[in-house]
Amino acid sequence: MRSRLITVATAIVCTVLGATAPASARDATSTPRSAPAADLPGPIEGQFDLSGFDPEPWRPFRPGDITLPGGVYCPFDLHLHLVEDEEMTRVDSRYPDGSVHINEYKGKLVVDFTNTDSGVTVRRDLSGRGAEELRPDGTRKTLGGVGPFGVGFKNTDAYPAGYYVVDGIHVTTWDTAGRRHMAVAIGSQENICRTLA
């Protein structure tokens, strides 16, 4: 029997199959505590451990503005200014010791990206829906989502370096050495570093 699905997995299934998402996937406040089991399509299936689904209440998530130093993702300092932020997060499952296993994210997020060397700025909507899986030691294992969201890759990662705005269905994984991989890429990938160069 398949593991129970987190809401984002249901949304991924519906997006891939072209079906309309059920009410539980569209309205998180009505998500049942025991979502029905279902098959995940193709390469998505092996990316998340969806066991122990027991969602906690949604709460605000406000990370604030950040500047990513040059040489990490872009050759220049990349400043992210949150223009609109109505993000919410919840814990969908925990390990037996109480530490977080899977976090889920949703909500409006509009960001201005600025090349601090040139002052050039672009605005992007990152209001997709996603989830992250953490290992028992707290390190990130998987980040996946549907719709637009942002993800960065360093020069040492197994994907071209940059800070990407991705749209469609994307899953990024981290190996135990911390190296990032783009495991699933269905849709567009805009490298903001190139856009602002």
C-alpha atoms as a PDB file:
ATOM      1  CA  MET A   1       0.000   0.000   0.000  1.00  0.00           C
ATOM      2  CA  ARG A   2       1.302   3.461  -0.906  1.00  0.00           C
ATOM      3  CA  SER A   3       2.096   6.074   1.702  1.00  0.00           C
ATOM      4  CA  ARG A   4      -0.462   8.755   2.393  1.00  0.00           C
ATOM      5  CA  LEU A   5      -0.005  11.863   0.298  1.00  0.00           C
ATOM      6  CA  ILE A   6       0.849  15.327   1.431  1.00  0.00           C
ATOM      7  CA  THR A   7      -1.169  18.037  -0.279  1.00  0.00           C
ATOM      8  CA  VAL A   8       1.621  19.104  -2.622  1.00  0.00           C
ATOM      9  CA  ALA A   9       1.970  15.540  -3.890  1.00  0.00           C
ATOM     10  CA  THR A  10      -1.742  15.514  -4.709  1.00  0.00           C
ATOM     11  CA  ALA A  11      -1.288  18.802  -6.584  1.00  0.00           C
ATOM     12  CA  ILE A  12       1.667  17.329  -8.496  1.00  0.00           C
ATOM     13  CA  VAL A  13      -0.393  14.295  -9.492  1.00  0.00           C
ATOM     14  CA  CYS A  14      -3.259  16.492 -10.697  1.00  0.00           C
ATOM     15  CA  THR A  15      -0.922  18.779 -12.616  1.00  0.00           C
ATOM     16  CA  VAL A  16       0.866  15.918 -14.355  1.00  0.00           C
ATOM     17  CA  LEU A  17      -2.331  14.079 -15.223  1.00  0.00           C
ATOM     18  CA  GLY A  18      -4.200  17.249 -16.190  1.00  0.00           C
ATOM     19  CA  ALA A  19      -6.934  16.586 -13.645  1.00  0.00           C
ATOM     20  CA  THR A  20      -8.676  19.115 -11.480  1.00  0.00           C
ATOM     21  CA  ALA A  21      -7.289  19.126  -7.959  1.00  0.00           C
ATOM     22  CA  PRO A  22      -9.738  17.888  -5.335  1.00  0.00           C
ATOM     23  CA  ALA A  23     -11.011  20.374  -2.782  1.00  0.00           C
ATOM     24  CA  SER A  24      -8.537  19.059  -0.225  1.00  0.00           C
ATOM     25  CA  ALA A  25      -5.655  20.071  -2.492  1.00  0.00           C
ATOM     26  CA  ARG A  26      -7.140  23.491  -3.320  1.00  0.00           C
ATOM     27  CA  ASP A  27      -8.201  24.454   0.196  1.00  0.00           C
ATOM     28  CA  ALA A  28      -5.632  23.485   2.801  1.00  0.00           C
ATOM     29  CA  THR A  29      -7.989  24.339   5.642  1.00  0.00           C
ATOM     30  CA  SER A  30     -10.171  21.396   4.607  1.00  0.00           C
ATOM     31  CA  THR A  31      -7.350  18.883   4.072  1.00  0.00           C
ATOM     32  CA  PRO A  32      -8.301  15.634   5.806  1.00  0.00           C
ATOM     33  CA  ARG A  33      -5.828  14.201   8.289  1.00  0.00           C
ATOM     34  CA  SER A  34      -5.862  10.929   6.380  1.00  0.00           C
ATOM     35  CA  ALA A  35      -5.636  11.699   2.670  1.00  0.00           C
ATOM     36  CA  PRO A  36      -6.298   8.707   0.415  1.00  0.00           C
ATOM     37  CA  ALA A  37      -3.360   6.732  -0.885  1.00  0.00           C
ATOM     38  CA  ALA A  38      -2.517   7.224  -4.574  1.00  0.00           C
ATOM     39  CA  ASP A  39       0.281   6.578  -7.019  1.00  0.00           C
ATOM     40  CA  LEU A  40       2.754   9.319  -7.803  1.00  0.00           C
ATOM     41  CA  PRO A  41       3.618   9.648 -11.487  1.00  0.00           C
ATOM     42  CA  GLY A  42       6.985   8.666 -12.949  1.00  0.00           C
ATOM     43  CA  PRO A  43      10.055  10.196 -11.339  1.00  0.00           C
ATOM     44  CA  ILE A  44       8.141  12.021  -8.570  1.00  0.00           C
ATOM     45  CA  GLU A  45       7.306   8.783  -6.766  1.00  0.00           C
ATOM     46  CA  GLY A  46      10.779   8.089  -5.433  1.00  0.00           C
ATOM     47  CA  GLN A  47      11.601  11.633  -4.320  1.00  0.00           C
ATOM     48  CA  PHE A  48       9.587  12.029  -1.087  1.00  0.00           C
ATOM     49  CA  ASP A  49       9.027   9.723   1.869  1.00  0.00           C
ATOM     50  CA  LEU A  50       5.360  10.480   2.473  1.00  0.00           C
ATOM     51  CA  SER A  51       4.892   8.254   5.517  1.00  0.00           C
ATOM     52  CA  GLY A  52       3.524   9.605   8.756  1.00  0.00           C
ATOM     53  CA  PHE A  53       1.305  12.282   7.172  1.00  0.00           C
ATOM     54  CA  ASP A  54      -0.271  14.128  10.114  1.00  0.00           C
ATOM     55  CA  PRO A  55      -0.527  17.838   9.205  1.00  0.00           C
ATOM     56  CA  GLU A  56      -0.310  20.458  11.906  1.00  0.00           C
ATOM     57  CA  PRO A  57      -2.026  23.871  11.704  1.00  0.00           C
ATOM     58  CA  TRP A  58      -0.850  26.424   9.141  1.00  0.00           C
ATOM     59  CA  ARG A  59       1.198  29.334  10.508  1.00  0.00           C
ATOM     60  CA  PRO A  60       2.744  32.461   8.937  1.00  0.00           C
ATOM     61  CA  PHE A  61       6.204  32.112   7.403  1.00  0.00           C
ATOM     62  CA  ARG A  62       8.101  35.401   7.065  1.00  0.00           C
ATOM     63  CA  PRO A  63      11.748  34.884   6.057  1.00  0.00           C
ATOM     64  CA  GLY A  64      12.416  38.572   5.264  1.00  0.00           C
ATOM     65  CA  ASP A  65      14.762  40.173   2.747  1.00  0.00           C
ATOM     66  CA  ILE A  66      18.149  38.609   2.077  1.00  0.00           C
ATOM     67  CA  THR A  67      21.314  39.341   0.123  1.00  0.00           C
ATOM     68  CA  LEU A  68      23.082  36.344  -1.376  1.00  0.00           C
ATOM     69  CA  PRO A  69      26.811  37.110  -1.630  1.00  0.00           C
ATOM     70  CA  GLY A  70      28.493  37.184  -5.024  1.00  0.00           C
ATOM     71  CA  GLY A  71      30.201  33.980  -6.064  1.00  0.00           C
ATOM     72  CA  VAL A  72      27.668  31.724  -4.335  1.00  0.00           C
ATOM     73  CA  TYR A  73      24.867  31.693  -6.908  1.00  0.00           C
ATOM     74  CA  CYS A  74      25.526  34.744  -9.089  1.00  0.00           C
ATOM     75  CA  PRO A  75      28.830  36.510  -9.837  1.00  0.00           C
ATOM     76  CA  PHE A  76      27.345  39.580  -8.098  1.00  0.00           C
ATOM     77  CA  ASP A  77      25.540  40.125  -4.793  1.00  0.00           C
ATOM     78  CA  LEU A  78      21.878  39.242  -5.372  1.00  0.00           C
ATOM     79  CA  HIS A  79      19.388  41.057  -3.157  1.00  0.00           C
ATOM     80  CA  LEU A  80      15.907  39.583  -2.667  1.00  0.00           C
ATOM     81  CA  HIS A  81      13.295  42.078  -1.460  1.00  0.00           C
ATOM     82  CA  LEU A  82       9.905  40.653  -0.514  1.00  0.00           C
ATOM     83  CA  VAL A  83       7.287  42.940  -2.066  1.00  0.00           C
ATOM     84  CA  GLU A  84       4.294  40.811  -1.045  1.00  0.00           C
ATOM     85  CA  ASP A  85       4.567  38.016   1.496  1.00  0.00           C
ATOM     86  CA  GLU A  86       1.565  36.029   2.630  1.00  0.00           C
ATOM     87  CA  GLU A  87       3.389  32.702   2.905  1.00  0.00           C
ATOM     88  CA  MET A  88       2.181  30.002   5.248  1.00  0.00           C
ATOM     89  CA  THR A  89       3.894  26.830   6.402  1.00  0.00           C
ATOM     90  CA  ARG A  90       2.938  23.732   8.329  1.00  0.00           C
ATOM     91  CA  VAL A  91       4.622  20.553   9.467  1.00  0.00           C
ATOM     92  CA  ASP A  92       3.145  17.549   7.647  1.00  0.00           C
ATOM     93  CA  SER A  93       5.141  14.841   9.413  1.00  0.00           C
ATOM     94  CA  ARG A  94       7.686  14.402  12.194  1.00  0.00           C
ATOM     95  CA  TYR A  95      10.282  11.823  13.103  1.00  0.00           C
ATOM     96  CA  PRO A  96       9.687   9.709  16.243  1.00  0.00           C
ATOM     97  CA  ASP A  97      11.905  12.088  18.267  1.00  0.00           C
ATOM     98  CA  GLY A  98       9.647  15.028  17.329  1.00  0.00           C
ATOM     99  CA  SER A  99      11.981  16.674  14.826  1.00  0.00           C
ATOM    100  CA  VAL A 100      10.491  17.896  11.543  1.00  0.00           C
ATOM    101  CA  HIS A 101      10.393  15.427   8.660  1.00  0.00           C
ATOM    102  CA  ILE A 102       8.295  17.310   6.058  1.00  0.00           C
ATOM    103  CA  ASN A 103       7.347  20.997   5.873  1.00  0.00           C
ATOM    104  CA  GLU A 104       4.768  22.301   3.403  1.00  0.00           C
ATOM    105  CA  TYR A 105       4.530  25.872   2.024  1.00  0.00           C
ATOM    106  CA  LYS A 106       1.853  27.916   0.261  1.00  0.00           C
ATOM    107  CA  GLY A 107       0.778  31.521  -0.228  1.00  0.00           C
ATOM    108  CA  LYS A 108       1.438  34.704  -2.139  1.00  0.00           C
ATOM    109  CA  LEU A 109       5.087  35.688  -2.552  1.00  0.00           C
ATOM    110  CA  VAL A 110       6.303  38.425  -4.895  1.00  0.00           C
ATOM    111  CA  VAL A 111      10.035  39.203  -4.905  1.00  0.00           C
ATOM    112  CA  ASP A 112      12.208  41.941  -6.405  1.00  0.00           C
ATOM    113  CA  PHE A 113      15.619  40.543  -7.427  1.00  0.00           C
ATOM    114  CA  THR A 114      18.397  43.145  -7.645  1.00  0.00           C
ATOM    115  CA  ASN A 115      21.937  42.978  -8.994  1.00  0.00           C
ATOM    116  CA  THR A 116      23.546  45.165  -6.338  1.00  0.00           C
ATOM    117  CA  ASP A 117      26.477  46.019  -8.646  1.00  0.00           C
ATOM    118  CA  SER A 118      24.335  47.466 -11.446  1.00  0.00           C
ATOM    119  CA  GLY A 119      21.094  48.231  -9.602  1.00  0.00           C
ATOM    120  CA  VAL A 120      19.069  46.348 -12.237  1.00  0.00           C
ATOM    121  CA  THR A 121      15.911  44.856 -10.718  1.00  0.00           C
ATOM    122  CA  VAL A 122      13.282  42.382 -11.912  1.00  0.00           C
ATOM    123  CA  ARG A 123      10.092  41.348 -10.133  1.00  0.00           C
ATOM    124  CA  ARG A 124       8.894  37.748 -10.065  1.00  0.00           C
ATOM    125  CA  ASP A 125       5.893  35.953  -8.563  1.00  0.00           C
ATOM    126  CA  LEU A 126       7.012  32.912  -6.531  1.00  0.00           C
ATOM    127  CA  SER A 127       3.561  31.932  -5.246  1.00  0.00           C
ATOM    128  CA  GLY A 128       3.790  28.224  -6.008  1.00  0.00           C
ATOM    129  CA  ARG A 129       3.113  25.441  -3.552  1.00  0.00           C
ATOM    130  CA  GLY A 130       5.875  23.218  -2.261  1.00  0.00           C
ATOM    131  CA  ALA A 131       7.276  20.913   0.363  1.00  0.00           C
ATOM    132  CA  GLU A 132      10.681  20.050   1.771  1.00  0.00           C
ATOM    133  CA  GLU A 133      11.842  16.812   3.333  1.00  0.00           C
ATOM    134  CA  LEU A 134      14.534  16.925   6.009  1.00  0.00           C
ATOM    135  CA  ARG A 135      16.804  14.127   7.152  1.00  0.00           C
ATOM    136  CA  PRO A 136      16.775  13.102  10.827  1.00  0.00           C
ATOM    137  CA  ASP A 137      19.889  15.281  11.390  1.00  0.00           C
ATOM    138  CA  GLY A 138      17.983  18.338  10.099  1.00  0.00           C
ATOM    139  CA  THR A 139      19.775  18.644   6.744  1.00  0.00           C
ATOM    140  CA  ARG A 140      17.613  19.158   3.683  1.00  0.00           C
ATOM    141  CA  LYS A 141      16.992  16.100   1.515  1.00  0.00           C
ATOM    142  CA  THR A 142      14.338  17.160  -0.994  1.00  0.00           C
ATOM    143  CA  LEU A 143      12.553  20.337  -2.113  1.00  0.00           C
ATOM    144  CA  GLY A 144       9.725  20.057  -4.590  1.00  0.00           C
ATOM    145  CA  GLY A 145       6.866  22.153  -5.804  1.00  0.00           C
ATOM    146  CA  VAL A 146       4.221  23.053  -8.328  1.00  0.00           C
ATOM    147  CA  GLY A 147       4.069  26.519  -9.836  1.00  0.00           C
ATOM    148  CA  PRO A 148       6.619  29.291  -9.533  1.00  0.00           C
ATOM    149  CA  PHE A 149       9.183  29.186  -6.736  1.00  0.00           C
ATOM    150  CA  GLY A 150      12.883  29.913  -6.298  1.00  0.00           C
ATOM    151  CA  VAL A 151      15.856  27.600  -5.851  1.00  0.00           C
ATOM    152  CA  GLY A 152      19.599  28.207  -5.939  1.00  0.00           C
ATOM    153  CA  PHE A 153      22.481  26.113  -7.234  1.00  0.00           C
ATOM    154  CA  LYS A 154      26.170  26.642  -6.405  1.00  0.00           C
ATOM    155  CA  ASN A 155      29.193  26.010  -8.623  1.00  0.00           C
ATOM    156  CA  THR A 156      29.786  22.737  -6.755  1.00  0.00           C
ATOM    157  CA  ASP A 157      26.264  21.415  -7.444  1.00  0.00           C
ATOM    158  CA  ALA A 158      25.174  18.991 -10.156  1.00  0.00           C
ATOM    159  CA  TYR A 159      23.284  21.702 -12.063  1.00  0.00           C
ATOM    160  CA  PRO A 160      24.504  24.954 -13.619  1.00  0.00           C
ATOM    161  CA  ALA A 161      25.099  27.604 -10.962  1.00  0.00           C
ATOM    162  CA  GLY A 162      22.490  30.306 -10.524  1.00  0.00           C
ATOM    163  CA  TYR A 163      19.379  31.369  -8.678  1.00  0.00           C
ATOM    164  CA  TYR A 164      16.404  30.011 -10.581  1.00  0.00           C
ATOM    165  CA  VAL A 165      12.755  30.924 -10.759  1.00  0.00           C
ATOM    166  CA  VAL A 166      11.134  27.654 -11.799  1.00  0.00           C
ATOM    167  CA  ASP A 167       7.566  27.099 -12.942  1.00  0.00           C
ATOM    168  CA  GLY A 168       5.788  23.813 -13.544  1.00  0.00           C
ATOM    169  CA  ILE A 169       6.899  20.772 -11.542  1.00  0.00           C
ATOM    170  CA  HIS A 170      10.411  20.715 -10.079  1.00  0.00           C
ATOM    171  CA  VAL A 171      12.187  18.607  -7.471  1.00  0.00           C
ATOM    172  CA  THR A 172      15.643  19.407  -6.115  1.00  0.00           C
ATOM    173  CA  THR A 173      17.511  16.843  -4.014  1.00  0.00           C
ATOM    174  CA  TRP A 174      20.576  17.124  -1.759  1.00  0.00           C
ATOM    175  CA  ASP A 175      22.939  14.186  -1.431  1.00  0.00           C
ATOM    176  CA  THR A 176      24.553  13.457   1.931  1.00  0.00           C
ATOM    177  CA  ALA A 177      27.550  15.609   0.975  1.00  0.00           C
ATOM    178  CA  GLY A 178      25.204  18.587   0.475  1.00  0.00           C
ATOM    179  CA  ARG A 179      25.482  18.644  -3.325  1.00  0.00           C
ATOM    180  CA  ARG A 180      22.247  19.700  -5.041  1.00  0.00           C
ATOM    181  CA  HIS A 181      20.654  17.908  -7.992  1.00  0.00           C
ATOM    182  CA  MET A 182      17.668  18.845 -10.175  1.00  0.00           C
ATOM    183  CA  ALA A 183      15.880  15.498 -10.026  1.00  0.00           C
ATOM    184  CA  VAL A 184      12.695  16.564 -11.819  1.00  0.00           C
ATOM    185  CA  ALA A 185      12.329  19.537 -14.179  1.00  0.00           C
ATOM    186  CA  ILE A 186       9.021  19.835 -16.005  1.00  0.00           C
ATOM    187  CA  GLY A 187       8.409  23.415 -17.086  1.00  0.00           C
ATOM    188  CA  SER A 188      10.515  26.561 -17.243  1.00  0.00           C
ATOM    189  CA  GLN A 189      13.717  27.534 -15.424  1.00  0.00           C
ATOM    190  CA  GLU A 190      14.790  31.193 -15.490  1.00  0.00           C
ATOM    191  CA  ASN A 191      18.300  31.838 -14.195  1.00  0.00           C
ATOM    192  CA  ILE A 192      17.893  35.229 -12.501  1.00  0.00           C
ATOM    193  CA  CYS A 193      21.689  35.681 -12.527  1.00  0.00           C
ATOM    194  CA  ARG A 194      21.633  35.692 -16.330  1.00  0.00           C
ATOM    195  CA  THR A 195      18.551  37.887 -16.463  1.00  0.00           C
ATOM    196  CA  LEU A 196      20.289  40.515 -14.315  1.00  0.00           C
ATOM    197  CA  ALA A 197      23.795  40.193 -15.820  1.00  0.00           C
END
